[in-house]
Amino acid sequence: MIRFIRLLLHFGYQEAMSCLFPVFIFASLAVSKFVAIPGLPRYDLLLLLCLAFQVFMVKSGLESRDELKVITVFHLIGLCLEIFKVHMGSWGYPEDGYSKVFGVPLYSGFMYASVASYLCQAWRRLDVSLAGWPKPIWVTSLGAAIYLNFFTHHFIWDLRWVLMVLMFVVFWRSKVYFRVTHERFSMPIPLCYFLIGFFIWIAENIATFFGAWAYPNQRSGWELVHFGKISSWFLLVIVSFIIVAELKHVKARRTGGKPVEPN
């Protein structure tokens, strides 16, 4: 029991430290919902807060410059998706703001970037490595297909369930290894995807409660985000994880380091 508690506390601490950026965003959403600055719209205040915290993360050494590059990529990917989804009426940002582009406030990209921040932090803090990682052609093709499906399902069939089946085919031998204190643990990568996606869905409920954005069914009042959204986050986590993992592989090859897959 003592060993279990020690491992749980250490794991919880490392996970909490990895979630600094998401927690800061949630705290900013909560405070800005009840505290207003005259002449500064809420969305613009959130953007300034996110930018300031990003600078703090890098200057304090909590994030490296390489991790900042990954986070910036996620910000751009997320912003493009947000602009399209808002245009299609999937959700909206009803408040005014000077920093809105095509109806999307620029701070929204940081919500996707915070997922990348968590993955990068957890990867380093828990000494994550991968076993049975598929060839780049398979994972990049799957990741691209998943991301494109977020756009194309508005015009043709939604292929998410087909893509989920393909995910299990591609990653059926893959495992993620992580270290808690001095002990090494592993889990199947699909389970890792689901767990992260589930907790993001919980976070999404918190975010919509504090008015980060609103789904059509929430415009007259807050309601629980539909359970079907878990599948969307599950797929988005796959894309996010693939990007981070492949960038880790590329860096290892360029620097002559060891591959991230244990024997």
C-alpha atoms as a PDB file:
ATOM      1  CA  MET A   1       0.000   0.000   0.000  1.00  0.00           C
ATOM      2  CA  ILE A   2       2.826   2.400   0.853  1.00  0.00           C
ATOM      3  CA  ARG A   3       4.483   1.661  -2.487  1.00  0.00           C
ATOM      4  CA  PHE A   4       1.204   2.258  -4.330  1.00  0.00           C
ATOM      5  CA  ILE A   5       0.601   5.582  -2.554  1.00  0.00           C
ATOM      6  CA  ARG A   6       4.169   6.706  -3.231  1.00  0.00           C
ATOM      7  CA  LEU A   7       3.869   5.881  -6.927  1.00  0.00           C
ATOM      8  CA  LEU A   8       0.437   7.489  -7.175  1.00  0.00           C
ATOM      9  CA  LEU A   9       1.613  10.718  -5.523  1.00  0.00           C
ATOM     10  CA  HIS A  10       4.674  10.934  -7.743  1.00  0.00           C
ATOM     11  CA  PHE A  11       2.661  10.210 -10.874  1.00  0.00           C
ATOM     12  CA  GLY A  12       0.001  12.753  -9.838  1.00  0.00           C
ATOM     13  CA  TYR A  13       2.642  15.419  -9.225  1.00  0.00           C
ATOM     14  CA  GLN A  14       4.285  14.877 -12.616  1.00  0.00           C
ATOM     15  CA  GLU A  15       0.904  14.900 -14.364  1.00  0.00           C
ATOM     16  CA  ALA A  16      -0.072  18.113 -12.553  1.00  0.00           C
ATOM     17  CA  MET A  17       3.176  19.804 -13.573  1.00  0.00           C
ATOM     18  CA  SER A  18       2.600  18.644 -17.155  1.00  0.00           C
ATOM     19  CA  CYS A  19      -0.844  20.278 -17.095  1.00  0.00           C
ATOM     20  CA  LEU A  20       0.327  23.751 -16.068  1.00  0.00           C
ATOM     21  CA  PHE A  21      -0.719  25.392 -19.335  1.00  0.00           C
ATOM     22  CA  PRO A  22      -4.208  23.791 -19.492  1.00  0.00           C
ATOM     23  CA  VAL A  23      -4.790  24.624 -15.809  1.00  0.00           C
ATOM     24  CA  PHE A  24      -3.755  28.226 -16.407  1.00  0.00           C
ATOM     25  CA  ILE A  25      -6.204  28.490 -19.316  1.00  0.00           C
ATOM     26  CA  PHE A  26      -9.043  27.092 -17.193  1.00  0.00           C
ATOM     27  CA  ALA A  27      -8.190  29.474 -14.356  1.00  0.00           C
ATOM     28  CA  SER A  28      -8.140  32.405 -16.795  1.00  0.00           C
ATOM     29  CA  LEU A  29     -11.520  31.371 -18.210  1.00  0.00           C
ATOM     30  CA  ALA A  30     -13.004  31.172 -14.727  1.00  0.00           C
ATOM     31  CA  VAL A  31     -11.619  34.510 -13.532  1.00  0.00           C
ATOM     32  CA  SER A  32     -12.424  36.386 -16.752  1.00  0.00           C
ATOM     33  CA  LYS A  33     -16.019  35.173 -16.605  1.00  0.00           C
ATOM     34  CA  PHE A  34     -16.571  37.167 -13.420  1.00  0.00           C
ATOM     35  CA  VAL A  35     -13.876  39.870 -13.595  1.00  0.00           C
ATOM     36  CA  ALA A  36     -13.934  42.355 -16.486  1.00  0.00           C
ATOM     37  CA  ILE A  37     -11.423  45.041 -17.455  1.00  0.00           C
ATOM     38  CA  PRO A  38     -13.134  48.133 -18.916  1.00  0.00           C
ATOM     39  CA  GLY A  39     -12.270  48.645 -22.589  1.00  0.00           C
ATOM     40  CA  LEU A  40     -10.650  45.223 -22.955  1.00  0.00           C
ATOM     41  CA  PRO A  41     -12.923  42.477 -24.308  1.00  0.00           C
ATOM     42  CA  ARG A  42     -12.660  39.127 -22.584  1.00  0.00           C
ATOM     43  CA  TYR A  43     -11.287  37.274 -25.611  1.00  0.00           C
ATOM     44  CA  ASP A  44      -8.477  39.818 -25.954  1.00  0.00           C
ATOM     45  CA  LEU A  45      -7.676  39.577 -22.249  1.00  0.00           C
ATOM     46  CA  LEU A  46      -7.425  35.798 -22.582  1.00  0.00           C
ATOM     47  CA  LEU A  47      -5.064  36.164 -25.535  1.00  0.00           C
ATOM     48  CA  LEU A  48      -2.769  38.492 -23.592  1.00  0.00           C
ATOM     49  CA  LEU A  49      -2.801  36.164 -20.587  1.00  0.00           C
ATOM     50  CA  CYS A  50      -1.954  33.136 -22.738  1.00  0.00           C
ATOM     51  CA  LEU A  51       0.888  34.971 -24.469  1.00  0.00           C
ATOM     52  CA  ALA A  52       2.292  36.138 -21.126  1.00  0.00           C
ATOM     53  CA  PHE A  53       2.117  32.629 -19.672  1.00  0.00           C
ATOM     54  CA  GLN A  54       3.771  31.156 -22.751  1.00  0.00           C
ATOM     55  CA  VAL A  55       6.671  33.589 -22.316  1.00  0.00           C
ATOM     56  CA  PHE A  56       6.862  32.633 -18.626  1.00  0.00           C
ATOM     57  CA  MET A  57       6.951  28.902 -19.472  1.00  0.00           C
ATOM     58  CA  VAL A  58       9.940  29.379 -21.805  1.00  0.00           C
ATOM     59  CA  LYS A  59      11.844  31.946 -19.728  1.00  0.00           C
ATOM     60  CA  SER A  60      11.487  29.858 -16.564  1.00  0.00           C
ATOM     61  CA  GLY A  61      12.774  26.732 -18.299  1.00  0.00           C
ATOM     62  CA  LEU A  62       9.512  24.830 -17.827  1.00  0.00           C
ATOM     63  CA  GLU A  63       9.367  24.519 -21.631  1.00  0.00           C
ATOM     64  CA  SER A  64      12.274  24.354 -24.032  1.00  0.00           C
ATOM     65  CA  ARG A  65      12.521  26.244 -27.305  1.00  0.00           C
ATOM     66  CA  ASP A  66      12.072  22.978 -29.216  1.00  0.00           C
ATOM     67  CA  GLU A  67       8.844  22.355 -27.300  1.00  0.00           C
ATOM     68  CA  LEU A  68       7.750  25.909 -28.117  1.00  0.00           C
ATOM     69  CA  LYS A  69       8.126  25.098 -31.830  1.00  0.00           C
ATOM     70  CA  VAL A  70       5.859  22.056 -31.433  1.00  0.00           C
ATOM     71  CA  ILE A  71       3.308  24.105 -29.501  1.00  0.00           C
ATOM     72  CA  THR A  72       3.312  26.794 -32.206  1.00  0.00           C
ATOM     73  CA  VAL A  73       2.554  24.152 -34.850  1.00  0.00           C
ATOM     74  CA  PHE A  74      -0.411  22.971 -32.785  1.00  0.00           C
ATOM     75  CA  HIS A  75      -1.619  26.551 -32.376  1.00  0.00           C
ATOM     76  CA  LEU A  76      -1.740  27.000 -36.152  1.00  0.00           C
ATOM     77  CA  ILE A  77      -3.340  23.592 -36.774  1.00  0.00           C
ATOM     78  CA  GLY A  78      -5.976  24.274 -34.132  1.00  0.00           C
ATOM     79  CA  LEU A  79      -6.697  27.786 -35.378  1.00  0.00           C
ATOM     80  CA  CYS A  80      -7.293  26.550 -38.934  1.00  0.00           C
ATOM     81  CA  LEU A  81      -9.682  23.915 -37.620  1.00  0.00           C
ATOM     82  CA  GLU A  82     -11.475  26.456 -35.438  1.00  0.00           C
ATOM     83  CA  ILE A  83     -12.017  28.889 -38.332  1.00  0.00           C
ATOM     84  CA  PHE A  84     -13.511  26.154 -40.482  1.00  0.00           C
ATOM     85  CA  LYS A  85     -15.723  24.709 -37.730  1.00  0.00           C
ATOM     86  CA  VAL A  86     -17.094  28.100 -36.730  1.00  0.00           C
ATOM     87  CA  HIS A  87     -17.814  28.876 -40.383  1.00  0.00           C
ATOM     88  CA  MET A  88     -19.733  25.580 -40.634  1.00  0.00           C
ATOM     89  CA  GLY A  89     -21.727  26.364 -37.500  1.00  0.00           C
ATOM     90  CA  SER A  90     -20.336  23.527 -35.368  1.00  0.00           C
ATOM     91  CA  TRP A  91     -19.790  25.970 -32.493  1.00  0.00           C
ATOM     92  CA  GLY A  92     -19.298  29.674 -32.029  1.00  0.00           C
ATOM     93  CA  TYR A  93     -17.743  32.489 -30.013  1.00  0.00           C
ATOM     94  CA  PRO A  94     -20.601  34.863 -29.232  1.00  0.00           C
ATOM     95  CA  GLU A  95     -18.636  37.592 -27.432  1.00  0.00           C
ATOM     96  CA  ASP A  96     -16.973  40.577 -29.111  1.00  0.00           C
ATOM     97  CA  GLY A  97     -13.222  40.919 -29.435  1.00  0.00           C
ATOM     98  CA  TYR A  98     -10.583  42.822 -31.380  1.00  0.00           C
ATOM     99  CA  SER A  99      -8.465  39.703 -31.887  1.00  0.00           C
ATOM    100  CA  LYS A 100     -11.114  37.646 -33.678  1.00  0.00           C
ATOM    101  CA  VAL A 101     -10.223  36.306 -37.138  1.00  0.00           C
ATOM    102  CA  PHE A 102     -13.167  35.080 -39.213  1.00  0.00           C
ATOM    103  CA  GLY A 103     -15.201  34.909 -36.022  1.00  0.00           C
ATOM    104  CA  VAL A 104     -12.557  32.984 -34.054  1.00  0.00           C
ATOM    105  CA  PRO A 105     -10.595  34.628 -31.206  1.00  0.00           C
ATOM    106  CA  LEU A 106      -6.868  34.009 -31.474  1.00  0.00           C
ATOM    107  CA  TYR A 107      -6.680  32.751 -27.909  1.00  0.00           C
ATOM    108  CA  SER A 108      -8.543  29.613 -28.999  1.00  0.00           C
ATOM    109  CA  GLY A 109      -5.399  28.279 -30.668  1.00  0.00           C
ATOM    110  CA  PHE A 110      -3.791  28.096 -27.235  1.00  0.00           C
ATOM    111  CA  MET A 111      -6.363  25.516 -26.163  1.00  0.00           C
ATOM    112  CA  TYR A 112      -4.958  23.167 -28.804  1.00  0.00           C
ATOM    113  CA  ALA A 113      -1.424  24.296 -27.979  1.00  0.00           C
ATOM    114  CA  SER A 114      -2.043  23.385 -24.333  1.00  0.00           C
ATOM    115  CA  VAL A 115      -2.628  19.763 -25.426  1.00  0.00           C
ATOM    116  CA  ALA A 116       0.777  19.830 -27.126  1.00  0.00           C
ATOM    117  CA  SER A 117       2.266  21.409 -24.016  1.00  0.00           C
ATOM    118  CA  TYR A 118       0.900  18.571 -21.895  1.00  0.00           C
ATOM    119  CA  LEU A 119       2.240  15.894 -24.265  1.00  0.00           C
ATOM    120  CA  CYS A 120       5.708  17.463 -24.422  1.00  0.00           C
ATOM    121  CA  GLN A 121       5.888  17.975 -20.666  1.00  0.00           C
ATOM    122  CA  ALA A 122       4.621  14.486 -19.824  1.00  0.00           C
ATOM    123  CA  TRP A 123       6.976  12.950 -22.396  1.00  0.00           C
ATOM    124  CA  ARG A 124       9.961  14.535 -20.652  1.00  0.00           C
ATOM    125  CA  ARG A 125       8.841  14.273 -17.025  1.00  0.00           C
ATOM    126  CA  LEU A 126       7.743  10.626 -17.253  1.00  0.00           C
ATOM    127  CA  ASP A 127      10.628   9.623 -19.519  1.00  0.00           C
ATOM    128  CA  VAL A 128       8.227   8.345 -22.176  1.00  0.00           C
ATOM    129  CA  SER A 129       9.404   5.959 -24.864  1.00  0.00           C
ATOM    130  CA  LEU A 130       7.629   3.850 -27.466  1.00  0.00           C
ATOM    131  CA  ALA A 131       7.794   0.241 -28.550  1.00  0.00           C
ATOM    132  CA  GLY A 132       6.417  -1.173 -31.783  1.00  0.00           C
ATOM    133  CA  TRP A 133       5.940   2.271 -33.294  1.00  0.00           C
ATOM    134  CA  PRO A 134       4.765   1.834 -36.927  1.00  0.00           C
ATOM    135  CA  LYS A 135       6.637   3.087 -39.959  1.00  0.00           C
ATOM    136  CA  PRO A 136       6.327   6.851 -40.618  1.00  0.00           C
ATOM    137  CA  ILE A 137       4.350   6.303 -43.841  1.00  0.00           C
ATOM    138  CA  TRP A 138       1.573   4.555 -41.906  1.00  0.00           C
ATOM    139  CA  VAL A 139       1.305   6.919 -38.963  1.00  0.00           C
ATOM    140  CA  THR A 140       1.585  10.120 -41.017  1.00  0.00           C
ATOM    141  CA  SER A 141      -1.006   8.864 -43.498  1.00  0.00           C
ATOM    142  CA  LEU A 142      -3.375   7.954 -40.673  1.00  0.00           C
ATOM    143  CA  GLY A 143      -2.825  11.285 -38.918  1.00  0.00           C
ATOM    144  CA  ALA A 144      -3.429  13.245 -42.119  1.00  0.00           C
ATOM    145  CA  ALA A 145      -6.598  11.249 -42.869  1.00  0.00           C
ATOM    146  CA  ILE A 146      -7.960  11.880 -39.367  1.00  0.00           C
ATOM    147  CA  TYR A 147      -7.275  15.615 -39.570  1.00  0.00           C
ATOM    148  CA  LEU A 148      -8.807  15.893 -43.035  1.00  0.00           C
ATOM    149  CA  ASN A 149     -11.911  14.023 -41.854  1.00  0.00           C
ATOM    150  CA  PHE A 150     -12.648  16.873 -39.441  1.00  0.00           C
ATOM    151  CA  PHE A 151     -13.167  18.997 -42.566  1.00  0.00           C
ATOM    152  CA  THR A 152     -14.507  16.567 -45.149  1.00  0.00           C
ATOM    153  CA  HIS A 153     -17.246  14.981 -43.033  1.00  0.00           C
ATOM    154  CA  HIS A 154     -19.296  18.128 -43.600  1.00  0.00           C
ATOM    155  CA  PHE A 155     -19.458  17.272 -47.303  1.00  0.00           C
ATOM    156  CA  ILE A 156     -19.075  13.487 -47.566  1.00  0.00           C
ATOM    157  CA  TRP A 157     -19.404  10.515 -45.227  1.00  0.00           C
ATOM    158  CA  ASP A 158     -17.973  10.776 -41.738  1.00  0.00           C
ATOM    159  CA  LEU A 159     -15.191   8.183 -41.703  1.00  0.00           C
ATOM    160  CA  ARG A 160     -14.304   8.440 -38.002  1.00  0.00           C
ATOM    161  CA  TRP A 161     -15.306   4.854 -37.210  1.00  0.00           C
ATOM    162  CA  VAL A 162     -13.364   3.538 -40.171  1.00  0.00           C
ATOM    163  CA  LEU A 163     -10.369   5.566 -39.026  1.00  0.00           C
ATOM    164  CA  MET A 164     -10.704   4.165 -35.512  1.00  0.00           C
ATOM    165  CA  VAL A 165     -10.578   0.638 -36.869  1.00  0.00           C
ATOM    166  CA  LEU A 166      -7.512   1.551 -38.922  1.00  0.00           C
ATOM    167  CA  MET A 167      -5.943   3.039 -35.794  1.00  0.00           C
ATOM    168  CA  PHE A 168      -6.207  -0.323 -33.999  1.00  0.00           C
ATOM    169  CA  VAL A 169      -4.741  -2.044 -37.056  1.00  0.00           C
ATOM    170  CA  VAL A 170      -1.799   0.364 -37.265  1.00  0.00           C
ATOM    171  CA  PHE A 171      -1.047   0.474 -33.523  1.00  0.00           C
ATOM    172  CA  TRP A 172      -1.977  -3.064 -32.479  1.00  0.00           C
ATOM    173  CA  ARG A 173       1.621  -3.851 -31.432  1.00  0.00           C
ATOM    174  CA  SER A 174       2.481  -0.399 -30.075  1.00  0.00           C
ATOM    175  CA  LYS A 175       3.068   0.374 -26.417  1.00  0.00           C
ATOM    176  CA  VAL A 176       3.990   3.495 -24.498  1.00  0.00           C
ATOM    177  CA  TYR A 177       6.517   3.140 -21.664  1.00  0.00           C
ATOM    178  CA  PHE A 178       6.775   5.642 -18.817  1.00  0.00           C
ATOM    179  CA  ARG A 179       8.727   5.943 -15.591  1.00  0.00           C
ATOM    180  CA  VAL A 180       7.260   6.615 -12.138  1.00  0.00           C
ATOM    181  CA  THR A 181      10.095   7.232  -9.646  1.00  0.00           C
ATOM    182  CA  HIS A 182      12.479   4.354 -10.488  1.00  0.00           C
ATOM    183  CA  GLU A 183       9.896   1.921 -11.830  1.00  0.00           C
ATOM    184  CA  ARG A 184       8.951   1.389 -15.465  1.00  0.00           C
ATOM    185  CA  PHE A 185       5.370   0.827 -16.622  1.00  0.00           C
ATOM    186  CA  SER A 186       3.669   0.380 -19.986  1.00  0.00           C
ATOM    187  CA  MET A 187       0.242   0.469 -21.579  1.00  0.00           C
ATOM    188  CA  PRO A 188      -1.144  -0.097 -25.093  1.00  0.00           C
ATOM    189  CA  ILE A 189      -1.038   3.123 -27.088  1.00  0.00           C
ATOM    190  CA  PRO A 190      -4.784   2.969 -28.034  1.00  0.00           C
ATOM    191  CA  LEU A 191      -5.624   2.952 -24.307  1.00  0.00           C
ATOM    192  CA  CYS A 192      -3.362   5.971 -23.844  1.00  0.00           C
ATOM    193  CA  TYR A 193      -5.230   7.787 -26.629  1.00  0.00           C
ATOM    194  CA  PHE A 194      -8.608   7.036 -25.058  1.00  0.00           C
ATOM    195  CA  LEU A 195      -7.612   8.135 -21.546  1.00  0.00           C
ATOM    196  CA  ILE A 196      -6.199  11.456 -22.738  1.00  0.00           C
ATOM    197  CA  GLY A 197      -9.252  12.024 -24.970  1.00  0.00           C
ATOM    198  CA  PHE A 198     -11.637  11.263 -22.090  1.00  0.00           C
ATOM    199  CA  PHE A 199      -9.963  13.765 -19.761  1.00  0.00           C
ATOM    200  CA  ILE A 200      -9.954  16.391 -22.523  1.00  0.00           C
ATOM    201  CA  TRP A 201     -13.717  15.824 -22.858  1.00  0.00           C
ATOM    202  CA  ILE A 202     -14.056  16.516 -19.117  1.00  0.00           C
ATOM    203  CA  ALA A 203     -11.947  19.638 -19.596  1.00  0.00           C
ATOM    204  CA  GLU A 204     -14.178  20.652 -22.526  1.00  0.00           C
ATOM    205  CA  ASN A 205     -17.207  20.582 -20.234  1.00  0.00           C
ATOM    206  CA  ILE A 206     -15.389  22.878 -17.806  1.00  0.00           C
ATOM    207  CA  ALA A 207     -14.331  25.198 -20.637  1.00  0.00           C
ATOM    208  CA  THR A 208     -17.823  25.518 -22.115  1.00  0.00           C
ATOM    209  CA  PHE A 209     -19.252  26.084 -18.627  1.00  0.00           C
ATOM    210  CA  PHE A 210     -16.972  29.106 -18.298  1.00  0.00           C
ATOM    211  CA  GLY A 211     -17.910  30.336 -21.790  1.00  0.00           C
ATOM    212  CA  ALA A 212     -14.754  29.456 -23.733  1.00  0.00           C
ATOM    213  CA  TRP A 213     -17.065  28.640 -26.655  1.00  0.00           C
ATOM    214  CA  ALA A 214     -20.621  27.412 -27.076  1.00  0.00           C
ATOM    215  CA  TYR A 215     -22.132  24.520 -29.009  1.00  0.00           C
ATOM    216  CA  PRO A 216     -25.518  25.124 -30.683  1.00  0.00           C
ATOM    217  CA  ASN A 217     -27.357  23.293 -27.881  1.00  0.00           C
ATOM    218  CA  GLN A 218     -25.625  25.477 -25.265  1.00  0.00           C
ATOM    219  CA  ARG A 219     -26.658  28.886 -26.566  1.00  0.00           C
ATOM    220  CA  SER A 220     -29.764  29.062 -24.377  1.00  0.00           C
ATOM    221  CA  GLY A 221     -27.913  27.666 -21.355  1.00  0.00           C
ATOM    222  CA  TRP A 222     -25.066  25.332 -20.487  1.00  0.00           C
ATOM    223  CA  GLU A 223     -25.563  21.624 -21.036  1.00  0.00           C
ATOM    224  CA  LEU A 224     -23.217  18.654 -20.748  1.00  0.00           C
ATOM    225  CA  VAL A 225     -21.181  18.196 -23.916  1.00  0.00           C
ATOM    226  CA  HIS A 226     -22.501  15.185 -25.815  1.00  0.00           C
ATOM    227  CA  PHE A 227     -20.665  11.922 -25.115  1.00  0.00           C
ATOM    228  CA  GLY A 228     -20.133  11.552 -28.865  1.00  0.00           C
ATOM    229  CA  LYS A 229     -17.534  14.325 -28.651  1.00  0.00           C
ATOM    230  CA  ILE A 230     -15.229  11.891 -26.869  1.00  0.00           C
ATOM    231  CA  SER A 231     -14.655  10.189 -30.232  1.00  0.00           C
ATOM    232  CA  SER A 232     -13.625  13.533 -31.733  1.00  0.00           C
ATOM    233  CA  TRP A 233     -11.131  14.173 -28.958  1.00  0.00           C
ATOM    234  CA  PHE A 234      -9.918  10.581 -29.213  1.00  0.00           C
ATOM    235  CA  LEU A 235      -9.091  11.172 -32.880  1.00  0.00           C
ATOM    236  CA  LEU A 236      -7.543  14.582 -32.199  1.00  0.00           C
ATOM    237  CA  VAL A 237      -5.302  13.054 -29.528  1.00  0.00           C
ATOM    238  CA  ILE A 238      -4.109  10.488 -32.085  1.00  0.00           C
ATOM    239  CA  VAL A 239      -3.109  13.302 -34.461  1.00  0.00           C
ATOM    240  CA  SER A 240      -1.415  15.201 -31.622  1.00  0.00           C
ATOM    241  CA  PHE A 241       0.476  12.172 -30.359  1.00  0.00           C
ATOM    242  CA  ILE A 242       1.624  11.232 -33.870  1.00  0.00           C
ATOM    243  CA  ILE A 243       3.003  14.731 -34.485  1.00  0.00           C
ATOM    244  CA  VAL A 244       4.930  14.799 -31.199  1.00  0.00           C
ATOM    245  CA  ALA A 245       6.242  11.236 -31.628  1.00  0.00           C
ATOM    246  CA  GLU A 246       7.374  11.772 -35.214  1.00  0.00           C
ATOM    247  CA  LEU A 247       9.133  15.025 -34.296  1.00  0.00           C
ATOM    248  CA  LYS A 248      10.906  13.132 -31.492  1.00  0.00           C
ATOM    249  CA  HIS A 249      12.017  10.523 -34.050  1.00  0.00           C
ATOM    250  CA  VAL A 250      13.254  13.193 -36.474  1.00  0.00           C
ATOM    251  CA  LYS A 251      15.222  14.962 -33.737  1.00  0.00           C
ATOM    252  CA  ALA A 252      16.784  11.676 -32.603  1.00  0.00           C
ATOM    253  CA  ARG A 253      17.910  10.893 -36.155  1.00  0.00           C
ATOM    254  CA  ARG A 254      19.354  14.370 -36.734  1.00  0.00           C
ATOM    255  CA  THR A 255      21.253  14.511 -33.452  1.00  0.00           C
ATOM    256  CA  GLY A 256      22.472  10.941 -33.671  1.00  0.00           C
ATOM    257  CA  GLY A 257      20.599  10.055 -30.500  1.00  0.00           C
ATOM    258  CA  LYS A 258      19.032   6.768 -29.657  1.00  0.00           C
ATOM    259  CA  PRO A 259      15.603   5.958 -31.059  1.00  0.00           C
ATOM    260  CA  VAL A 260      12.694   6.422 -28.674  1.00  0.00           C
ATOM    261  CA  GLU A 261      11.757   2.755 -28.896  1.00  0.00           C
ATOM    262  CA  PRO A 262      13.133   0.418 -26.210  1.00  0.00           C
ATOM    263  CA  ASN A 263      14.169  -3.125 -27.060  1.00  0.00           C
END
